[in-house]
Amino acid sequence: MTARPKISTCLWFNDNAEEAINFYLSVFPGGEILRSVRNGGHGPGPEGSMLAATIRIEGHEIDVINGGPHYALTPAVSLVVKCATQAEVDTLWDTLGNGGKHQQCGWLNDRFGLCWQIVPTVLFDLLQSPDPAKAGRVMQAMLQMTKFDIAALQRASEGR
């Protein structure tokens, strides 16, 4: 039996956690449902509907609950996806953002209201350049972007 992590993220959905889980597992191949609990005859939701579950995507455990309309997801908490290539940025941007809302600097809300940051890993390296002029140009380029463009960030770093 694998040890469970001491800390995980928990996402509260009104009544569509199972739909969200299925979507996230389709976006991130290799993801899996680790555990799930269904409502019985005395649960808060319809009998047989999902009450709660734990999934693993990209090595990260996420707990989900169909908790009703008492709370909503907020951009104050987001999931950051670090992407190695522009193709990965493009695919996740398009897939997760479909039916949601794209925002500045690689942020988007998916159709379930969950906030994601789709960030190329090279961005961190470029922003940490020991040359403050390079880092400043990258910052200015980044602030103008919605979806990140790795080539444009690299051009900004080089002063082109």
N, C-alpha and C. Protein backbone atom coordinates (compact mmCIF):
# COMPACT_ATOMS: atom_id res chain seq x y z
N MET A 1 0.84 -1.18 0.00
CA MET A 1 0.00 0.00 0.00
C MET A 1 0.89 1.24 0.00
N THR A 2 0.63 2.16 -0.91
CA THR A 2 1.41 3.38 -1.03
C THR A 2 0.98 4.38 0.04
N ALA A 3 1.98 5.04 0.62
CA ALA A 3 1.68 6.04 1.63
C ALA A 3 1.01 7.25 0.97
N ARG A 4 0.01 7.77 1.61
CA ARG A 4 -0.67 8.96 1.12
C ARG A 4 0.10 10.19 1.55
N PRO A 5 0.15 11.21 0.69
CA PRO A 5 0.85 12.43 1.09
C PRO A 5 0.11 13.09 2.26
N LYS A 6 0.87 13.75 3.08
CA LYS A 6 0.29 14.41 4.25
C LYS A 6 -0.56 15.61 3.83
N ILE A 7 -0.16 16.30 2.76
CA ILE A 7 -0.87 17.48 2.30
C ILE A 7 -1.28 17.29 0.84
N SER A 8 -2.52 17.63 0.52
CA SER A 8 -2.99 17.60 -0.86
C SER A 8 -3.90 18.81 -1.08
N THR A 9 -4.21 19.06 -2.32
CA THR A 9 -5.14 20.13 -2.69
C THR A 9 -6.55 19.56 -2.66
N CYS A 10 -7.51 20.35 -2.18
CA CYS A 10 -8.91 19.93 -2.20
C CYS A 10 -9.70 20.96 -2.98
N LEU A 11 -10.49 20.46 -3.94
CA LEU A 11 -11.32 21.32 -4.77
C LEU A 11 -12.79 21.07 -4.46
N TRP A 12 -13.53 22.13 -4.24
CA TRP A 12 -14.95 22.07 -3.89
C TRP A 12 -15.78 22.37 -5.12
N PHE A 13 -16.62 21.46 -5.50
CA PHE A 13 -17.54 21.65 -6.61
C PHE A 13 -18.96 21.61 -6.06
N ASN A 14 -19.88 22.21 -6.77
CA ASN A 14 -21.27 22.19 -6.36
C ASN A 14 -21.82 20.77 -6.52
N ASP A 15 -21.88 20.29 -7.78
CA ASP A 15 -22.43 18.96 -8.03
C ASP A 15 -21.83 18.30 -9.27
N ASN A 16 -20.73 18.87 -9.80
CA ASN A 16 -20.17 18.34 -11.04
C ASN A 16 -18.71 17.88 -10.89
N ALA A 17 -18.35 17.44 -9.70
CA ALA A 17 -16.98 16.98 -9.47
C ALA A 17 -16.62 15.80 -10.37
N GLU A 18 -17.54 14.88 -10.56
CA GLU A 18 -17.23 13.72 -11.38
C GLU A 18 -16.97 14.12 -12.83
N GLU A 19 -17.74 15.05 -13.35
CA GLU A 19 -17.52 15.55 -14.71
C GLU A 19 -16.15 16.23 -14.80
N ALA A 20 -15.81 17.04 -13.80
CA ALA A 20 -14.50 17.71 -13.78
C ALA A 20 -13.37 16.68 -13.72
N ILE A 21 -13.51 15.68 -12.87
CA ILE A 21 -12.49 14.64 -12.77
C ILE A 21 -12.27 13.97 -14.12
N ASN A 22 -13.34 13.58 -14.77
CA ASN A 22 -13.22 12.91 -16.07
C ASN A 22 -12.53 13.82 -17.09
N PHE A 23 -12.83 15.10 -17.05
CA PHE A 23 -12.18 16.05 -17.95
C PHE A 23 -10.68 16.14 -17.65
N TYR A 24 -10.31 16.32 -16.37
CA TYR A 24 -8.90 16.45 -16.01
C TYR A 24 -8.11 15.19 -16.36
N LEU A 25 -8.73 14.03 -16.17
CA LEU A 25 -8.05 12.77 -16.52
C LEU A 25 -7.88 12.65 -18.03
N SER A 26 -8.77 13.26 -18.81
CA SER A 26 -8.61 13.22 -20.27
C SER A 26 -7.51 14.19 -20.73
N VAL A 27 -7.29 15.24 -19.98
CA VAL A 27 -6.27 16.24 -20.34
C VAL A 27 -4.87 15.76 -19.98
N PHE A 28 -4.75 15.09 -18.86
CA PHE A 28 -3.45 14.65 -18.36
C PHE A 28 -3.37 13.12 -18.41
N PRO A 29 -2.84 12.57 -19.51
CA PRO A 29 -2.73 11.11 -19.65
C PRO A 29 -1.96 10.51 -18.48
N GLY A 30 -2.38 9.35 -18.06
CA GLY A 30 -1.73 8.67 -16.94
C GLY A 30 -2.32 9.04 -15.59
N GLY A 31 -3.24 9.99 -15.58
CA GLY A 31 -3.91 10.33 -14.33
C GLY A 31 -4.83 9.20 -13.93
N GLU A 32 -5.20 9.20 -12.66
CA GLU A 32 -6.05 8.11 -12.18
C GLU A 32 -6.89 8.54 -11.00
N ILE A 33 -8.01 7.86 -10.83
CA ILE A 33 -8.82 8.01 -9.62
C ILE A 33 -8.26 7.04 -8.59
N LEU A 34 -7.83 7.56 -7.47
CA LEU A 34 -7.26 6.71 -6.42
C LEU A 34 -8.32 6.17 -5.48
N ARG A 35 -9.31 7.00 -5.17
CA ARG A 35 -10.39 6.61 -4.26
C ARG A 35 -11.62 7.42 -4.63
N SER A 36 -12.78 6.85 -4.38
CA SER A 36 -14.00 7.64 -4.53
C SER A 36 -15.05 7.13 -3.55
N VAL A 37 -15.89 8.04 -3.15
CA VAL A 37 -16.98 7.73 -2.22
C VAL A 37 -18.27 8.19 -2.88
N ARG A 38 -19.24 7.30 -2.91
CA ARG A 38 -20.53 7.62 -3.52
C ARG A 38 -21.55 7.84 -2.40
N ASN A 39 -22.51 8.68 -2.70
CA ASN A 39 -23.59 8.93 -1.74
C ASN A 39 -24.46 7.69 -1.59
N GLY A 40 -24.77 7.37 -0.37
CA GLY A 40 -25.71 6.29 -0.08
C GLY A 40 -27.11 6.87 0.05
N GLY A 41 -28.00 6.11 0.56
CA GLY A 41 -29.38 6.57 0.72
C GLY A 41 -29.55 7.70 1.70
N HIS A 42 -28.55 7.95 2.53
CA HIS A 42 -28.66 9.00 3.56
C HIS A 42 -27.67 10.13 3.34
N GLY A 43 -27.02 10.18 2.19
CA GLY A 43 -26.02 11.20 1.91
C GLY A 43 -26.63 12.52 1.49
N PRO A 44 -25.77 13.52 1.35
CA PRO A 44 -26.28 14.85 0.98
C PRO A 44 -26.71 14.95 -0.49
N GLY A 45 -26.23 14.04 -1.35
CA GLY A 45 -26.59 14.08 -2.77
C GLY A 45 -27.43 12.88 -3.13
N PRO A 46 -27.84 12.81 -4.38
CA PRO A 46 -28.64 11.67 -4.83
C PRO A 46 -27.87 10.36 -4.66
N GLU A 47 -28.58 9.32 -4.31
CA GLU A 47 -27.95 8.02 -4.11
C GLU A 47 -27.18 7.60 -5.36
N GLY A 48 -25.94 7.17 -5.14
CA GLY A 48 -25.08 6.73 -6.23
C GLY A 48 -24.23 7.83 -6.84
N SER A 49 -24.55 9.08 -6.55
CA SER A 49 -23.75 10.19 -7.09
C SER A 49 -22.45 10.30 -6.30
N MET A 50 -21.44 10.89 -6.92
CA MET A 50 -20.15 11.04 -6.26
C MET A 50 -20.23 12.06 -5.13
N LEU A 51 -19.74 11.68 -3.99
CA LEU A 51 -19.61 12.60 -2.86
C LEU A 51 -18.21 13.21 -2.88
N ALA A 52 -17.19 12.34 -2.95
CA ALA A 52 -15.81 12.80 -2.89
C ALA A 52 -14.91 11.81 -3.60
N ALA A 53 -13.73 12.28 -3.98
CA ALA A 53 -12.76 11.40 -4.63
C ALA A 53 -11.37 11.99 -4.48
N THR A 54 -10.38 11.15 -4.71
CA THR A 54 -8.99 11.59 -4.79
C THR A 54 -8.45 11.13 -6.14
N ILE A 55 -7.86 12.08 -6.86
CA ILE A 55 -7.24 11.75 -8.14
C ILE A 55 -5.76 12.10 -8.08
N ARG A 56 -5.03 11.51 -9.00
CA ARG A 56 -3.62 11.87 -9.15
C ARG A 56 -3.41 12.25 -10.61
N ILE A 57 -2.92 13.48 -10.83
CA ILE A 57 -2.53 13.91 -12.16
C ILE A 57 -1.12 14.49 -12.08
N GLU A 58 -0.29 14.06 -13.01
CA GLU A 58 1.11 14.53 -13.05
C GLU A 58 1.78 14.40 -11.68
N GLY A 59 1.46 13.34 -10.96
CA GLY A 59 2.08 13.08 -9.66
C GLY A 59 1.49 13.85 -8.50
N HIS A 60 0.51 14.69 -8.75
CA HIS A 60 -0.09 15.53 -7.70
C HIS A 60 -1.45 14.97 -7.31
N GLU A 61 -1.63 14.72 -6.02
CA GLU A 61 -2.93 14.26 -5.54
C GLU A 61 -3.86 15.44 -5.30
N ILE A 62 -5.08 15.27 -5.79
CA ILE A 62 -6.11 16.30 -5.63
C ILE A 62 -7.36 15.62 -5.08
N ASP A 63 -7.86 16.15 -3.99
CA ASP A 63 -9.12 15.68 -3.44
C ASP A 63 -10.23 16.56 -3.99
N VAL A 64 -11.36 15.97 -4.31
CA VAL A 64 -12.51 16.72 -4.80
C VAL A 64 -13.73 16.35 -3.99
N ILE A 65 -14.63 17.29 -3.89
CA ILE A 65 -15.86 17.04 -3.16
C ILE A 65 -17.00 17.74 -3.88
N ASN A 66 -18.13 17.09 -3.92
CA ASN A 66 -19.37 17.73 -4.35
C ASN A 66 -20.01 18.25 -3.07
N GLY A 67 -19.69 19.48 -2.73
CA GLY A 67 -20.11 20.02 -1.45
C GLY A 67 -21.33 20.91 -1.49
N GLY A 68 -21.87 21.11 -2.68
CA GLY A 68 -23.04 21.98 -2.79
C GLY A 68 -22.65 23.41 -3.09
N PRO A 69 -23.64 24.30 -3.09
CA PRO A 69 -23.42 25.69 -3.53
C PRO A 69 -22.84 26.63 -2.48
N HIS A 70 -22.36 26.11 -1.37
CA HIS A 70 -21.90 26.97 -0.27
C HIS A 70 -20.61 27.72 -0.58
N TYR A 71 -19.74 27.14 -1.40
CA TYR A 71 -18.46 27.75 -1.74
C TYR A 71 -18.24 27.63 -3.23
N ALA A 72 -17.35 28.47 -3.74
CA ALA A 72 -17.00 28.42 -5.16
C ALA A 72 -15.48 28.47 -5.29
N LEU A 73 -14.98 27.90 -6.38
CA LEU A 73 -13.56 27.99 -6.66
C LEU A 73 -13.20 29.46 -6.91
N THR A 74 -11.97 29.83 -6.58
CA THR A 74 -11.53 31.21 -6.70
C THR A 74 -10.13 31.26 -7.31
N PRO A 75 -9.80 32.30 -8.08
CA PRO A 75 -8.45 32.43 -8.62
C PRO A 75 -7.39 32.64 -7.54
N ALA A 76 -7.80 32.85 -6.30
CA ALA A 76 -6.81 32.99 -5.23
C ALA A 76 -6.03 31.69 -5.05
N VAL A 77 -6.57 30.59 -5.55
CA VAL A 77 -5.87 29.30 -5.55
C VAL A 77 -5.88 28.80 -6.99
N SER A 78 -4.69 28.47 -7.49
CA SER A 78 -4.61 27.97 -8.86
C SER A 78 -3.65 26.79 -8.92
N LEU A 79 -3.77 26.02 -9.99
CA LEU A 79 -2.83 24.93 -10.24
C LEU A 79 -1.88 25.40 -11.33
N VAL A 80 -0.59 25.30 -11.07
CA VAL A 80 0.44 25.73 -12.00
C VAL A 80 0.94 24.51 -12.76
N VAL A 81 0.92 24.60 -14.09
CA VAL A 81 1.44 23.53 -14.94
C VAL A 81 2.68 24.08 -15.63
N LYS A 82 3.82 23.48 -15.32
CA LYS A 82 5.10 23.90 -15.90
C LYS A 82 5.33 23.11 -17.18
N CYS A 83 5.43 23.82 -18.29
CA CYS A 83 5.50 23.20 -19.62
C CYS A 83 6.90 23.34 -20.22
N ALA A 84 7.41 22.25 -20.79
CA ALA A 84 8.74 22.25 -21.38
C ALA A 84 8.76 22.81 -22.80
N THR A 85 7.65 22.74 -23.51
CA THR A 85 7.63 23.14 -24.92
C THR A 85 6.45 24.05 -25.23
N GLN A 86 6.55 24.74 -26.36
CA GLN A 86 5.44 25.57 -26.81
C GLN A 86 4.25 24.70 -27.17
N ALA A 87 4.50 23.54 -27.74
CA ALA A 87 3.40 22.63 -28.09
C ALA A 87 2.60 22.25 -26.84
N GLU A 88 3.29 22.00 -25.74
CA GLU A 88 2.60 21.66 -24.49
C GLU A 88 1.80 22.86 -23.98
N VAL A 89 2.40 24.05 -24.03
CA VAL A 89 1.67 25.27 -23.64
C VAL A 89 0.41 25.41 -24.48
N ASP A 90 0.57 25.29 -25.80
CA ASP A 90 -0.57 25.46 -26.71
C ASP A 90 -1.68 24.46 -26.45
N THR A 91 -1.31 23.19 -26.29
CA THR A 91 -2.31 22.14 -26.08
C THR A 91 -3.07 22.35 -24.78
N LEU A 92 -2.35 22.60 -23.70
CA LEU A 92 -3.03 22.79 -22.41
C LEU A 92 -3.85 24.07 -22.40
N TRP A 93 -3.33 25.11 -23.01
CA TRP A 93 -4.05 26.39 -23.09
C TRP A 93 -5.39 26.20 -23.79
N ASP A 94 -5.33 25.52 -24.93
CA ASP A 94 -6.55 25.31 -25.71
C ASP A 94 -7.51 24.34 -25.02
N THR A 95 -6.99 23.25 -24.49
CA THR A 95 -7.84 22.21 -23.92
C THR A 95 -8.46 22.65 -22.59
N LEU A 96 -7.63 23.13 -21.68
CA LEU A 96 -8.17 23.55 -20.38
C LEU A 96 -9.02 24.81 -20.50
N GLY A 97 -8.69 25.67 -21.44
CA GLY A 97 -9.42 26.93 -21.59
C GLY A 97 -10.70 26.82 -22.40
N ASN A 98 -10.91 25.68 -23.05
CA ASN A 98 -12.11 25.50 -23.87
C ASN A 98 -13.36 25.58 -22.98
N GLY A 99 -14.19 26.56 -23.24
CA GLY A 99 -15.41 26.75 -22.44
C GLY A 99 -15.17 27.56 -21.18
N GLY A 100 -13.93 27.98 -20.98
CA GLY A 100 -13.58 28.78 -19.81
C GLY A 100 -13.22 30.20 -20.21
N LYS A 101 -12.26 30.77 -19.50
CA LYS A 101 -11.87 32.16 -19.76
C LYS A 101 -10.35 32.28 -19.70
N HIS A 102 -9.75 32.78 -20.78
CA HIS A 102 -8.32 33.02 -20.82
C HIS A 102 -8.02 34.38 -20.20
N GLN A 103 -6.91 34.45 -19.47
CA GLN A 103 -6.55 35.69 -18.81
C GLN A 103 -5.08 36.01 -19.07
N GLN A 104 -4.63 37.10 -18.54
CA GLN A 104 -3.27 37.58 -18.75
C GLN A 104 -2.24 36.69 -18.07
N CYS A 105 -1.04 36.69 -18.65
CA CYS A 105 0.14 36.04 -18.07
C CYS A 105 -0.03 34.54 -17.83
N GLY A 106 -0.67 33.86 -18.77
CA GLY A 106 -0.76 32.41 -18.70
C GLY A 106 -1.83 31.87 -17.78
N TRP A 107 -2.69 32.72 -17.25
CA TRP A 107 -3.76 32.27 -16.36
C TRP A 107 -5.01 31.99 -17.18
N LEU A 108 -5.75 30.97 -16.75
CA LEU A 108 -7.06 30.70 -17.35
C LEU A 108 -7.95 30.04 -16.31
N ASN A 109 -9.24 30.22 -16.50
CA ASN A 109 -10.23 29.49 -15.72
C ASN A 109 -10.85 28.47 -16.65
N ASP A 110 -10.91 27.21 -16.21
CA ASP A 110 -11.54 26.20 -17.05
C ASP A 110 -13.06 26.31 -16.91
N ARG A 111 -13.77 25.48 -17.62
CA ARG A 111 -15.24 25.57 -17.64
C ARG A 111 -15.87 25.22 -16.29
N PHE A 112 -15.09 24.66 -15.39
CA PHE A 112 -15.60 24.33 -14.05
C PHE A 112 -15.28 25.44 -13.04
N GLY A 113 -14.51 26.44 -13.48
CA GLY A 113 -14.15 27.53 -12.59
C GLY A 113 -12.78 27.40 -11.94
N LEU A 114 -12.09 26.29 -12.19
CA LEU A 114 -10.76 26.10 -11.61
C LEU A 114 -9.75 26.95 -12.35
N CYS A 115 -8.90 27.64 -11.62
CA CYS A 115 -7.89 28.51 -12.20
C CYS A 115 -6.59 27.74 -12.39
N TRP A 116 -6.01 27.88 -13.57
CA TRP A 116 -4.76 27.23 -13.95
C TRP A 116 -3.77 28.29 -14.41
N GLN A 117 -2.50 28.02 -14.19
CA GLN A 117 -1.43 28.82 -14.78
C GLN A 117 -0.64 27.89 -15.70
N ILE A 118 -0.59 28.22 -16.97
CA ILE A 118 0.12 27.42 -17.96
C ILE A 118 1.41 28.17 -18.27
N VAL A 119 2.52 27.69 -17.71
CA VAL A 119 3.76 28.46 -17.69
C VAL A 119 4.92 27.65 -18.29
N PRO A 120 5.62 28.23 -19.28
CA PRO A 120 6.81 27.54 -19.79
C PRO A 120 7.93 27.58 -18.75
N THR A 121 8.59 26.45 -18.57
CA THR A 121 9.66 26.40 -17.56
C THR A 121 10.78 27.38 -17.85
N VAL A 122 11.01 27.69 -19.13
CA VAL A 122 12.08 28.62 -19.49
C VAL A 122 11.81 30.02 -18.94
N LEU A 123 10.55 30.36 -18.70
CA LEU A 123 10.23 31.69 -18.18
C LEU A 123 10.95 31.97 -16.87
N PHE A 124 10.99 30.99 -15.99
CA PHE A 124 11.65 31.18 -14.69
C PHE A 124 13.14 31.47 -14.89
N ASP A 125 13.78 30.74 -15.79
CA ASP A 125 15.20 30.97 -16.07
C ASP A 125 15.42 32.36 -16.65
N LEU A 126 14.58 32.77 -17.58
CA LEU A 126 14.74 34.08 -18.21
C LEU A 126 14.53 35.22 -17.22
N LEU A 127 13.56 35.07 -16.34
CA LEU A 127 13.30 36.11 -15.34
C LEU A 127 14.39 36.19 -14.27
N GLN A 128 15.14 35.11 -14.11
CA GLN A 128 16.21 35.09 -13.11
C GLN A 128 17.58 35.38 -13.72
N SER A 129 17.60 35.95 -14.92
CA SER A 129 18.87 36.28 -15.57
C SER A 129 19.69 37.19 -14.66
N PRO A 130 21.00 36.95 -14.57
CA PRO A 130 21.84 37.86 -13.78
C PRO A 130 21.95 39.25 -14.42
N ASP A 131 21.54 39.36 -15.69
CA ASP A 131 21.53 40.65 -16.39
C ASP A 131 20.17 41.30 -16.18
N PRO A 132 20.08 42.35 -15.36
CA PRO A 132 18.78 42.96 -15.06
C PRO A 132 18.07 43.50 -16.30
N ALA A 133 18.81 43.92 -17.32
CA ALA A 133 18.17 44.42 -18.54
C ALA A 133 17.44 43.29 -19.25
N LYS A 134 18.07 42.11 -19.32
CA LYS A 134 17.42 40.95 -19.95
C LYS A 134 16.16 40.57 -19.18
N ALA A 135 16.29 40.44 -17.86
CA ALA A 135 15.15 40.06 -17.03
C ALA A 135 14.02 41.09 -17.16
N GLY A 136 14.37 42.37 -17.24
CA GLY A 136 13.37 43.42 -17.38
C GLY A 136 12.63 43.34 -18.70
N ARG A 137 13.37 43.05 -19.78
CA ARG A 137 12.72 42.91 -21.09
C ARG A 137 11.77 41.71 -21.11
N VAL A 138 12.19 40.64 -20.46
CA VAL A 138 11.33 39.45 -20.40
C VAL A 138 10.07 39.77 -19.59
N MET A 139 10.24 40.47 -18.48
CA MET A 139 9.08 40.84 -17.66
C MET A 139 8.11 41.69 -18.46
N GLN A 140 8.61 42.67 -19.19
CA GLN A 140 7.74 43.53 -19.99
C GLN A 140 7.03 42.73 -21.08
N ALA A 141 7.73 41.80 -21.71
CA ALA A 141 7.10 40.96 -22.73
C ALA A 141 6.03 40.08 -22.09
N MET A 142 6.35 39.49 -20.95
CA MET A 142 5.41 38.61 -20.25
C MET A 142 4.12 39.35 -19.90
N LEU A 143 4.25 40.57 -19.43
CA LEU A 143 3.08 41.33 -19.01
C LEU A 143 2.14 41.68 -20.17
N GLN A 144 2.63 41.59 -21.39
CA GLN A 144 1.81 41.86 -22.57
C GLN A 144 1.11 40.62 -23.11
N MET A 145 1.46 39.45 -22.57
CA MET A 145 0.95 38.19 -23.11
C MET A 145 -0.27 37.69 -22.37
N THR A 146 -1.10 36.97 -23.11
CA THR A 146 -2.16 36.18 -22.51
C THR A 146 -1.61 34.76 -22.44
N LYS A 147 -1.59 34.06 -23.56
CA LYS A 147 -0.90 32.75 -23.62
C LYS A 147 0.59 33.03 -23.82
N PHE A 148 1.43 32.31 -23.10
CA PHE A 148 2.86 32.52 -23.23
C PHE A 148 3.40 32.02 -24.56
N ASP A 149 4.30 32.81 -25.13
CA ASP A 149 4.97 32.50 -26.39
C ASP A 149 6.46 32.39 -26.07
N ILE A 150 6.97 31.18 -26.04
CA ILE A 150 8.36 30.95 -25.63
C ILE A 150 9.33 31.69 -26.55
N ALA A 151 9.12 31.61 -27.86
CA ALA A 151 10.04 32.28 -28.79
C ALA A 151 10.05 33.79 -28.55
N ALA A 152 8.90 34.39 -28.31
CA ALA A 152 8.83 35.83 -28.05
C ALA A 152 9.53 36.19 -26.74
N LEU A 153 9.41 35.35 -25.73
CA LEU A 153 10.12 35.58 -24.46
C LEU A 153 11.62 35.52 -24.67
N GLN A 154 12.08 34.55 -25.47
CA GLN A 154 13.50 34.42 -25.74
C GLN A 154 14.02 35.61 -26.55
N ARG A 155 13.22 36.06 -27.53
CA ARG A 155 13.60 37.24 -28.30
C ARG A 155 13.72 38.47 -27.40
N ALA A 156 12.78 38.61 -26.48
CA ALA A 156 12.84 39.74 -25.54
C ALA A 156 14.10 39.67 -24.69
N SER A 157 14.45 38.49 -24.25
CA SER A 157 15.67 38.32 -23.45
C SER A 157 16.90 38.75 -24.23
N GLU A 158 16.90 38.44 -25.52
CA GLU A 158 18.04 38.76 -26.38
C GLU A 158 18.00 40.20 -26.91
N GLY A 159 16.94 40.92 -26.60
CA GLY A 159 16.83 42.30 -27.03
C GLY A 159 16.40 42.45 -28.49
N ARG A 160 15.74 41.42 -29.03
CA ARG A 160 15.27 41.49 -30.42
C ARG A 160 13.78 41.73 -30.46
